């Protein structure tokens, strides 16, 4: 029971990291966030290092379509499904 709760918590934290990564990437693309700022660059690098390994695995199967990368969405759906499965245990 404790390990299941801990795993669900870790998945929830990773879910928020993915959402933060998507928001930061949008802000960089829309030039709201200046990546030349050292703090912003460190935050962006940290989020990129945390999410890229999972994104790369999904992108091998589902490459970007029309300039849109659906790997964060697929990962969010996968994590949500896994959490629901663990809640049932």
PDB file of N, CA and C in Angstrom:
ATOM      1  N   UNK A   1       0.825  -1.195   0.000  1.00  0.00           N
ATOM      2  CA  UNK A   1       0.000   0.000   0.000  1.00  0.00           C
ATOM      3  C   UNK A   1       0.865   1.252   0.000  1.00  0.00           C
ATOM      4  N   UNK A   2       1.917   1.276   0.843  1.00  0.00           N
ATOM      5  CA  UNK A   2       2.792   2.436   0.939  1.00  0.00           C
ATOM      6  C   UNK A   2       3.558   2.648  -0.367  1.00  0.00           C
ATOM      7  N   UNK A   3       4.027   1.558  -0.973  1.00  0.00           N
ATOM      8  CA  UNK A   3       4.787   1.669  -2.218  1.00  0.00           C
ATOM      9  C   UNK A   3       3.884   2.157  -3.342  1.00  0.00           C
ATOM     10  N   UNK A   4       2.656   1.707  -3.372  1.00  0.00           N
ATOM     11  CA  UNK A   4       1.710   2.169  -4.384  1.00  0.00           C
ATOM     12  C   UNK A   4       1.447   3.661  -4.237  1.00  0.00           C
ATOM     13  N   UNK A   5       1.240   4.111  -3.004  1.00  0.00           N
ATOM     14  CA  UNK A   5       1.019   5.541  -2.768  1.00  0.00           C
ATOM     15  C   UNK A   5       2.242   6.364  -3.145  1.00  0.00           C
ATOM     16  N   UNK A   6       3.414   5.853  -2.857  1.00  0.00           N
ATOM     17  CA  UNK A   6       4.655   6.548  -3.199  1.00  0.00           C
ATOM     18  C   UNK A   6       4.831   6.628  -4.719  1.00  0.00           C
ATOM     19  N   UNK A   7       4.495   5.558  -5.417  1.00  0.00           N
ATOM     20  CA  UNK A   7       4.586   5.541  -6.875  1.00  0.00           C
ATOM     21  C   UNK A   7       3.582   6.504  -7.500  1.00  0.00           C
ATOM     22  N   UNK A   8       2.387   6.549  -6.958  1.00  0.00           N
ATOM     23  CA  UNK A   8       1.374   7.488  -7.449  1.00  0.00           C
ATOM     24  C   UNK A   8       1.839   8.927  -7.223  1.00  0.00           C
ATOM     25  N   UNK A   9       2.441   9.194  -6.078  1.00  0.00           N
ATOM     26  CA  UNK A   9       2.967  10.529  -5.793  1.00  0.00           C
ATOM     27  C   UNK A   9       4.082  10.899  -6.770  1.00  0.00           C
ATOM     28  N   UNK A  10       4.993   9.974  -7.044  1.00  0.00           N
ATOM     29  CA  UNK A  10       6.087  10.236  -7.986  1.00  0.00           C
ATOM     30  C   UNK A  10       5.544  10.502  -9.386  1.00  0.00           C
ATOM     31  N   UNK A  11       4.531   9.752  -9.791  1.00  0.00           N
ATOM     32  CA  UNK A  11       3.918   9.976 -11.105  1.00  0.00           C
ATOM     33  C   UNK A  11       3.219  11.337 -11.157  1.00  0.00           C
ATOM     34  N   UNK A  12       2.602  11.737 -10.072  1.00  0.00           N
ATOM     35  CA  UNK A  12       1.948  13.046 -10.012  1.00  0.00           C
ATOM     36  C   UNK A  12       2.969  14.168 -10.127  1.00  0.00           C
ATOM     37  N   UNK A  13       4.086  14.030  -9.433  1.00  0.00           N
ATOM     38  CA  UNK A  13       5.145  15.040  -9.521  1.00  0.00           C
ATOM     39  C   UNK A  13       5.666  15.117 -10.953  1.00  0.00           C
ATOM     40  N   UNK A  14       5.892  13.970 -11.588  1.00  0.00           N
ATOM     41  CA  UNK A  14       6.375  13.961 -12.974  1.00  0.00           C
ATOM     42  C   UNK A  14       5.334  14.559 -13.921  1.00  0.00           C
ATOM     43  N   UNK A  15       4.072  14.346 -13.632  1.00  0.00           N
ATOM     44  CA  UNK A  15       2.998  14.943 -14.424  1.00  0.00           C
ATOM     45  C   UNK A  15       3.096  16.466 -14.389  1.00  0.00           C
ATOM     46  N   UNK A  16       3.324  17.020 -13.207  1.00  0.00           N
ATOM     47  CA  UNK A  16       3.469  18.469 -13.081  1.00  0.00           C
ATOM     48  C   UNK A  16       4.748  18.969 -13.750  1.00  0.00           C
ATOM     49  N   UNK A  17       5.798  18.170 -13.731  1.00  0.00           N
ATOM     50  CA  UNK A  17       7.029  18.550 -14.424  1.00  0.00           C
ATOM     51  C   UNK A  17       6.785  18.627 -15.927  1.00  0.00           C
ATOM     52  N   UNK A  18       6.029  17.697 -16.464  1.00  0.00           N
ATOM     53  CA  UNK A  18       5.703  17.713 -17.893  1.00  0.00           C
ATOM     54  C   UNK A  18       4.889  18.957 -18.235  1.00  0.00           C
ATOM     55  N   UNK A  19       3.894  19.268 -17.422  1.00  0.00           N
ATOM     56  CA  UNK A  19       3.062  20.452 -17.668  1.00  0.00           C
ATOM     57  C   UNK A  19       3.917  21.714 -17.594  1.00  0.00           C
ATOM     58  N   UNK A  20       4.804  21.794 -16.607  1.00  0.00           N
ATOM     59  CA  UNK A  20       5.693  22.964 -16.497  1.00  0.00           C
ATOM     60  C   UNK A  20       6.606  23.065 -17.707  1.00  0.00           C
ATOM     61  N   UNK A  21       7.099  21.942 -18.179  1.00  0.00           N
ATOM     62  CA  UNK A  21       7.975  21.933 -19.354  1.00  0.00           C
ATOM     63  C   UNK A  21       7.255  22.449 -20.595  1.00  0.00           C
ATOM     64  N   UNK A  22       6.030  22.017 -20.775  1.00  0.00           N
ATOM     65  CA  UNK A  22       5.247  22.476 -21.931  1.00  0.00           C
ATOM     66  C   UNK A  22       5.001  23.979 -21.827  1.00  0.00           C
ATOM     67  N   UNK A  23       4.641  24.457 -20.664  1.00  0.00           N
ATOM     68  CA  UNK A  23       4.370  25.892 -20.483  1.00  0.00           C
ATOM     69  C   UNK A  23       5.633  26.713 -20.721  1.00  0.00           C
ATOM     70  N   UNK A  24       6.757  26.268 -20.183  1.00  0.00           N
ATOM     71  CA  UNK A  24       8.010  26.999 -20.382  1.00  0.00           C
ATOM     72  C   UNK A  24       8.401  27.002 -21.863  1.00  0.00           C
ATOM     73  N   UNK A  25       8.240  25.878 -22.537  1.00  0.00           N
ATOM     74  CA  UNK A  25       8.558  25.832 -23.970  1.00  0.00           C
ATOM     75  C   UNK A  25       7.673  26.778 -24.773  1.00  0.00           C
ATOM     76  N   UNK A  26       6.402  26.850 -24.439  1.00  0.00           N
ATOM     77  CA  UNK A  26       5.516  27.801 -25.115  1.00  0.00           C
ATOM     78  C   UNK A  26       5.953  29.237 -24.859  1.00  0.00           C
ATOM     79  N   UNK A  27       6.317  29.511 -23.609  1.00  0.00           N
ATOM     80  CA  UNK A  27       6.742  30.866 -23.269  1.00  0.00           C
ATOM     81  C   UNK A  27       8.028  31.251 -24.003  1.00  0.00           C
ATOM     82  N   UNK A  28       8.928  30.297 -24.188  1.00  0.00           N
ATOM     83  CA  UNK A  28      10.156  30.567 -24.938  1.00  0.00           C
ATOM     84  C   UNK A  28       9.826  30.806 -26.413  1.00  0.00           C
ATOM     85  N   UNK A  29       8.961  29.970 -26.981  1.00  0.00           N
ATOM     86  CA  UNK A  29       8.603  30.131 -28.391  1.00  0.00           C
ATOM     87  C   UNK A  29       7.864  31.440 -28.657  1.00  0.00           C
ATOM     88  N   UNK A  30       7.044  31.865 -27.719  1.00  0.00           N
ATOM     89  CA  UNK A  30       6.300  33.112 -27.873  1.00  0.00           C
ATOM     90  C   UNK A  30       7.114  34.330 -27.427  1.00  0.00           C
ATOM     91  N   UNK A  31       8.353  34.093 -27.051  1.00  0.00           N
ATOM     92  CA  UNK A  31       9.295  35.124 -26.618  1.00  0.00           C
ATOM     93  C   UNK A  31       8.797  35.905 -25.395  1.00  0.00           C
ATOM     94  N   UNK A  32       8.046  35.244 -24.564  1.00  0.00           N
ATOM     95  CA  UNK A  32       7.635  35.813 -23.282  1.00  0.00           C
ATOM     96  C   UNK A  32       8.762  35.602 -22.274  1.00  0.00           C
ATOM     97  N   UNK A  33       9.445  34.488 -22.400  1.00  0.00           N
ATOM     98  CA  UNK A  33      10.551  34.131 -21.519  1.00  0.00           C
ATOM     99  C   UNK A  33      11.843  34.212 -22.321  1.00  0.00           C
ATOM    100  N   UNK A  34      12.781  34.999 -21.838  1.00  0.00           N
ATOM    101  CA  UNK A  34      14.058  35.176 -22.520  1.00  0.00           C
ATOM    102  C   UNK A  34      15.030  34.107 -22.047  1.00  0.00           C
ATOM    103  N   UNK A  35      15.427  33.236 -22.953  1.00  0.00           N
ATOM    104  CA  UNK A  35      16.289  32.118 -22.605  1.00  0.00           C
ATOM    105  C   UNK A  35      17.727  32.567 -22.310  1.00  0.00           C
ATOM    106  N   UNK A  36      18.058  33.806 -22.667  1.00  0.00           N
ATOM    107  CA  UNK A  36      19.391  34.329 -22.344  1.00  0.00           C
ATOM    108  C   UNK A  36      19.521  34.693 -20.867  1.00  0.00           C
ATOM    109  N   UNK A  37      18.410  34.785 -20.179  1.00  0.00           N
ATOM    110  CA  UNK A  37      18.429  34.996 -18.730  1.00  0.00           C
ATOM    111  C   UNK A  37      18.963  33.716 -18.083  1.00  0.00           C
ATOM    112  N   UNK A  38      20.004  33.803 -17.247  1.00  0.00           N
ATOM    113  CA  UNK A  38      20.603  32.583 -16.688  1.00  0.00           C
ATOM    114  C   UNK A  38      19.641  31.734 -15.865  1.00  0.00           C
ATOM    115  N   UNK A  39      18.764  32.363 -15.109  1.00  0.00           N
ATOM    116  CA  UNK A  39      17.806  31.596 -14.296  1.00  0.00           C
ATOM    117  C   UNK A  39      16.798  30.886 -15.192  1.00  0.00           C
ATOM    118  N   UNK A  40      16.300  31.590 -16.197  1.00  0.00           N
ATOM    119  CA  UNK A  40      15.348  30.980 -17.123  1.00  0.00           C
ATOM    120  C   UNK A  40      16.006  29.839 -17.891  1.00  0.00           C
ATOM    121  N   UNK A  41      17.263  30.014 -18.263  1.00  0.00           N
ATOM    122  CA  UNK A  41      17.982  28.959 -18.982  1.00  0.00           C
ATOM    123  C   UNK A  41      18.157  27.729 -18.103  1.00  0.00           C
ATOM    124  N   UNK A  42      18.485  27.928 -16.827  1.00  0.00           N
ATOM    125  CA  UNK A  42      18.656  26.793 -15.916  1.00  0.00           C
ATOM    126  C   UNK A  42      17.339  26.039 -15.713  1.00  0.00           C
ATOM    127  N   UNK A  43      16.259  26.788 -15.565  1.00  0.00           N
ATOM    128  CA  UNK A  43      14.945  26.151 -15.397  1.00  0.00           C
ATOM    129  C   UNK A  43      14.581  25.361 -16.647  1.00  0.00           C
ATOM    130  N   UNK A  44      14.787  25.966 -17.809  1.00  0.00           N
ATOM    131  CA  UNK A  44      14.475  25.291 -19.073  1.00  0.00           C
ATOM    132  C   UNK A  44      15.344  24.045 -19.243  1.00  0.00           C
ATOM    133  N   UNK A  45      16.634  24.148 -18.937  1.00  0.00           N
ATOM    134  CA  UNK A  45      17.523  22.989 -19.050  1.00  0.00           C
ATOM    135  C   UNK A  45      17.123  21.872 -18.096  1.00  0.00           C
ATOM    136  N   UNK A  46      16.759  22.233 -16.870  1.00  0.00           N
ATOM    137  CA  UNK A  46      16.337  21.237 -15.885  1.00  0.00           C
ATOM    138  C   UNK A  46      15.085  20.495 -16.360  1.00  0.00           C
ATOM    139  N   UNK A  47      14.104  21.252 -16.835  1.00  0.00           N
ATOM    140  CA  UNK A  47      12.865  20.623 -17.312  1.00  0.00           C
ATOM    141  C   UNK A  47      13.118  19.778 -18.561  1.00  0.00           C
ATOM    142  N   UNK A  48      14.001  20.249 -19.426  1.00  0.00           N
ATOM    143  CA  UNK A  48      14.327  19.495 -20.641  1.00  0.00           C
ATOM    144  C   UNK A  48      15.018  18.182 -20.284  1.00  0.00           C
ATOM    145  N   UNK A  49      15.970  18.235 -19.354  1.00  0.00           N
ATOM    146  CA  UNK A  49      16.667  17.008 -18.946  1.00  0.00           C
ATOM    147  C   UNK A  49      15.720  16.026 -18.251  1.00  0.00           C
ATOM    148  N   UNK A  50      14.702  16.539 -17.589  1.00  0.00           N
ATOM    149  CA  UNK A  50      13.760  15.659 -16.881  1.00  0.00           C
ATOM    150  C   UNK A  50      12.762  15.003 -17.822  1.00  0.00           C
ATOM    151  N   UNK A  51      12.430  15.672 -18.918  1.00  0.00           N
ATOM    152  CA  UNK A  51      11.368  15.156 -19.781  1.00  0.00           C
ATOM    153  C   UNK A  51      11.856  14.547 -21.101  1.00  0.00           C
ATOM    154  N   UNK A  52      13.013  14.949 -21.583  1.00  0.00           N
ATOM    155  CA  UNK A  52      13.483  14.473 -22.886  1.00  0.00           C
ATOM    156  C   UNK A  52      13.631  12.954 -23.010  1.00  0.00           C
ATOM    157  N   UNK A  53      14.142  12.253 -21.995  1.00  0.00           N
ATOM    158  CA  UNK A  53      14.246  10.790 -22.172  1.00  0.00           C
ATOM    159  C   UNK A  53      12.898  10.123 -22.458  1.00  0.00           C
ATOM    160  N   UNK A  54      11.861  10.553 -21.785  1.00  0.00           N
ATOM    161  CA  UNK A  54      10.536   9.964 -22.021  1.00  0.00           C
ATOM    162  C   UNK A  54       9.989  10.407 -23.376  1.00  0.00           C
ATOM    163  N   UNK A  55      10.212  11.688 -23.733  1.00  0.00           N
ATOM    164  CA  UNK A  55       9.738  12.191 -25.027  1.00  0.00           C
ATOM    165  C   UNK A  55      10.406  11.452 -26.184  1.00  0.00           C
ATOM    166  N   UNK A  56      11.698  11.194 -26.072  1.00  0.00           N
ATOM    167  CA  UNK A  56      12.446  10.549 -27.159  1.00  0.00           C
ATOM    168  C   UNK A  56      11.911   9.152 -27.443  1.00  0.00           C
ATOM    169  N   UNK A  57      11.541   8.433 -26.393  1.00  0.00           N
ATOM    170  CA  UNK A  57      10.990   7.081 -26.593  1.00  0.00           C
ATOM    171  C   UNK A  57       9.660   7.132 -27.333  1.00  0.00           C
ATOM    172  N   UNK A  58       8.840   8.106 -26.990  1.00  0.00           N
ATOM    173  CA  UNK A  58       7.540   8.239 -27.658  1.00  0.00           C
ATOM    174  C   UNK A  58       7.730   8.728 -29.087  1.00  0.00           C
ATOM    175  N   UNK A  59       8.682   9.621 -29.312  1.00  0.00           N
ATOM    176  CA  UNK A  59       8.918  10.174 -30.646  1.00  0.00           C
ATOM    177  C   UNK A  59       9.450   9.136 -31.619  1.00  0.00           C
ATOM    178  N   UNK A  60      10.041   8.051 -31.117  1.00  0.00           N
ATOM    179  CA  UNK A  60      10.466   6.961 -32.001  1.00  0.00           C
ATOM    180  C   UNK A  60       9.256   6.290 -32.643  1.00  0.00           C
ATOM    181  N   UNK A  61       8.168   6.227 -31.899  1.00  0.00           N
ATOM    182  CA  UNK A  61       6.944   5.590 -32.389  1.00  0.00           C
ATOM    183  C   UNK A  61       6.022   6.599 -33.066  1.00  0.00           C
ATOM    184  N   UNK A  62       5.925   7.798 -32.486  1.00  0.00           N
ATOM    185  CA  UNK A  62       5.022   8.842 -32.981  1.00  0.00           C
ATOM    186  C   UNK A  62       5.819  10.124 -33.223  1.00  0.00           C
ATOM    187  N   UNK A  63       6.351  10.275 -34.447  1.00  0.00           N
ATOM    188  CA  UNK A  63       7.140  11.484 -34.722  1.00  0.00           C
ATOM    189  C   UNK A  63       6.239  12.718 -34.769  1.00  0.00           C
ATOM    190  N   UNK A  64       6.838  13.918 -34.645  1.00  0.00           N
ATOM    191  CA  UNK A  64       6.033  15.145 -34.742  1.00  0.00           C
ATOM    192  C   UNK A  64       5.272  15.204 -36.064  1.00  0.00           C
ATOM    193  N   UNK A  65       4.021  15.641 -35.991  1.00  0.00           N
ATOM    194  CA  UNK A  65       3.152  15.706 -37.168  1.00  0.00           C
ATOM    195  C   UNK A  65       2.822  17.159 -37.450  1.00  0.00           C
ATOM    196  N   UNK A  66       3.182  17.633 -38.620  1.00  0.00           N
ATOM    197  CA  UNK A  66       2.861  19.008 -39.007  1.00  0.00           C
ATOM    198  C   UNK A  66       3.476  20.046 -38.080  1.00  0.00           C
ATOM    199  N   UNK A  67       4.637  19.746 -37.514  1.00  0.00           N
ATOM    200  CA  UNK A  67       5.284  20.687 -36.617  1.00  0.00           C
ATOM    201  C   UNK A  67       4.813  20.590 -35.180  1.00  0.00           C
ATOM    202  N   UNK A  68       3.860  19.727 -34.902  1.00  0.00           N
ATOM    203  CA  UNK A  68       3.345  19.556 -33.545  1.00  0.00           C
ATOM    204  C   UNK A  68       3.904  18.271 -32.942  1.00  0.00           C
ATOM    205  N   UNK A  69       4.400  18.382 -31.728  1.00  0.00           N
ATOM    206  CA  UNK A  69       4.933  17.234 -31.011  1.00  0.00           C
ATOM    207  C   UNK A  69       3.875  16.761 -30.015  1.00  0.00           C
ATOM    208  N   UNK A  70       3.359  15.574 -30.250  1.00  0.00           N
ATOM    209  CA  UNK A  70       2.299  15.040 -29.398  1.00  0.00           C
ATOM    210  C   UNK A  70       2.840  14.172 -28.262  1.00  0.00           C
ATOM    211  N   UNK A  71       4.158  14.060 -28.137  1.00  0.00           N
ATOM    212  CA  UNK A  71       4.714  13.194 -27.097  1.00  0.00           C
ATOM    213  C   UNK A  71       4.349  13.642 -25.679  1.00  0.00           C
ATOM    214  N   UNK A  72       4.291  14.955 -25.350  1.00  0.00           N
ATOM    215  CA  UNK A  72       3.845  15.308 -23.990  1.00  0.00           C
ATOM    216  C   UNK A  72       2.404  14.868 -23.717  1.00  0.00           C
ATOM    217  N   UNK A  73       1.551  15.006 -24.709  1.00  0.00           N
ATOM    218  CA  UNK A  73       0.155  14.608 -24.541  1.00  0.00           C
ATOM    219  C   UNK A  73       0.043  13.102 -24.340  1.00  0.00           C
ATOM    220  N   UNK A  74       0.774  12.337 -25.147  1.00  0.00           N
ATOM    221  CA  UNK A  74       0.751  10.875 -25.012  1.00  0.00           C
ATOM    222  C   UNK A  74       1.287  10.467 -23.645  1.00  0.00           C
ATOM    223  N   UNK A  75       2.341  11.139 -23.200  1.00  0.00           N
ATOM    224  CA  UNK A  75       2.922  10.830 -21.892  1.00  0.00           C
ATOM    225  C   UNK A  75       1.962  11.174 -20.754  1.00  0.00           C
ATOM    226  N   UNK A  76       1.284  12.306 -20.858  1.00  0.00           N
ATOM    227  CA  UNK A  76       0.301  12.678 -19.833  1.00  0.00           C
ATOM    228  C   UNK A  76      -0.833  11.664 -19.760  1.00  0.00           C
ATOM    229  N   UNK A  77      -1.318  11.241 -20.908  1.00  0.00           N
ATOM    230  CA  UNK A  77      -2.386  10.240 -20.935  1.00  0.00           C
ATOM    231  C   UNK A  77      -1.902   8.915 -20.357  1.00  0.00           C
ATOM    232  N   UNK A  78      -0.678   8.515 -20.722  1.00  0.00           N
ATOM    233  CA  UNK A  78      -0.120   7.266 -20.198  1.00  0.00           C
ATOM    234  C   UNK A  78       0.053   7.297 -18.689  1.00  0.00           C
ATOM    235  N   UNK A  79       0.554   8.409 -18.168  1.00  0.00           N
ATOM    236  CA  UNK A  79       0.738   8.521 -16.714  1.00  0.00           C
ATOM    237  C   UNK A  79      -0.607   8.502 -16.004  1.00  0.00           C
ATOM    238  N   UNK A  80      -1.585   9.199 -16.557  1.00  0.00           N
ATOM    239  CA  UNK A  80      -2.921   9.215 -15.946  1.00  0.00           C
ATOM    240  C   UNK A  80      -3.531   7.818 -15.928  1.00  0.00           C
ATOM    241  N   UNK A  81      -3.361   7.081 -17.026  1.00  0.00           N
ATOM    242  CA  UNK A  81      -3.891   5.720 -17.069  1.00  0.00           C
ATOM    243  C   UNK A  81      -3.179   4.824 -16.052  1.00  0.00           C
ATOM    244  N   UNK A  82      -1.863   4.977 -15.937  1.00  0.00           N
ATOM    245  CA  UNK A  82      -1.111   4.196 -14.964  1.00  0.00           C
ATOM    246  C   UNK A  82      -1.524   4.524 -13.536  1.00  0.00           C
ATOM    247  N   UNK A  83      -1.763   5.800 -13.271  1.00  0.00           N
ATOM    248  CA  UNK A  83      -2.210   6.187 -11.926  1.00  0.00           C
ATOM    249  C   UNK A  83      -3.569   5.580 -11.613  1.00  0.00           C
ATOM    250  N   UNK A  84      -4.463   5.618 -12.563  1.00  0.00           N
ATOM    251  CA  UNK A  84      -5.796   5.015 -12.330  1.00  0.00           C
ATOM    252  C   UNK A  84      -5.702   3.522 -12.103  1.00  0.00           C
ATOM    253  N   UNK A  85      -4.784   2.876 -12.818  1.00  0.00           N
ATOM    254  CA  UNK A  85      -4.566   1.455 -12.617  1.00  0.00           C
ATOM    255  C   UNK A  85      -4.034   1.191 -11.213  1.00  0.00           C
ATOM    256  N   UNK A  86      -3.116   2.034 -10.752  1.00  0.00           N
ATOM    257  CA  UNK A  86      -2.554   1.856  -9.413  1.00  0.00           C
ATOM    258  C   UNK A  86      -3.573   2.174  -8.328  1.00  0.00           C
ATOM    259  N   UNK A  87      -4.475   3.116  -8.575  1.00  0.00           N
ATOM    260  CA  UNK A  87      -5.529   3.416  -7.592  1.00  0.00           C
ATOM    261  C   UNK A  87      -6.417   2.190  -7.366  1.00  0.00           C
ATOM    262  N   UNK A  88      -6.582   1.381  -8.410  1.00  0.00           N
ATOM    263  CA  UNK A  88      -7.426   0.203  -8.300  1.00  0.00           C
ATOM    264  C   UNK A  88      -6.808  -0.914  -7.481  1.00  0.00           C
ATOM    265  N   UNK A  89      -5.508  -0.836  -7.236  1.00  0.00           N
ATOM    266  CA  UNK A  89      -4.834  -1.925  -6.494  1.00  0.00           C
ATOM    267  C   UNK A  89      -5.126  -1.860  -5.028  1.00  0.00           C
TER     268      UNK A  89
END
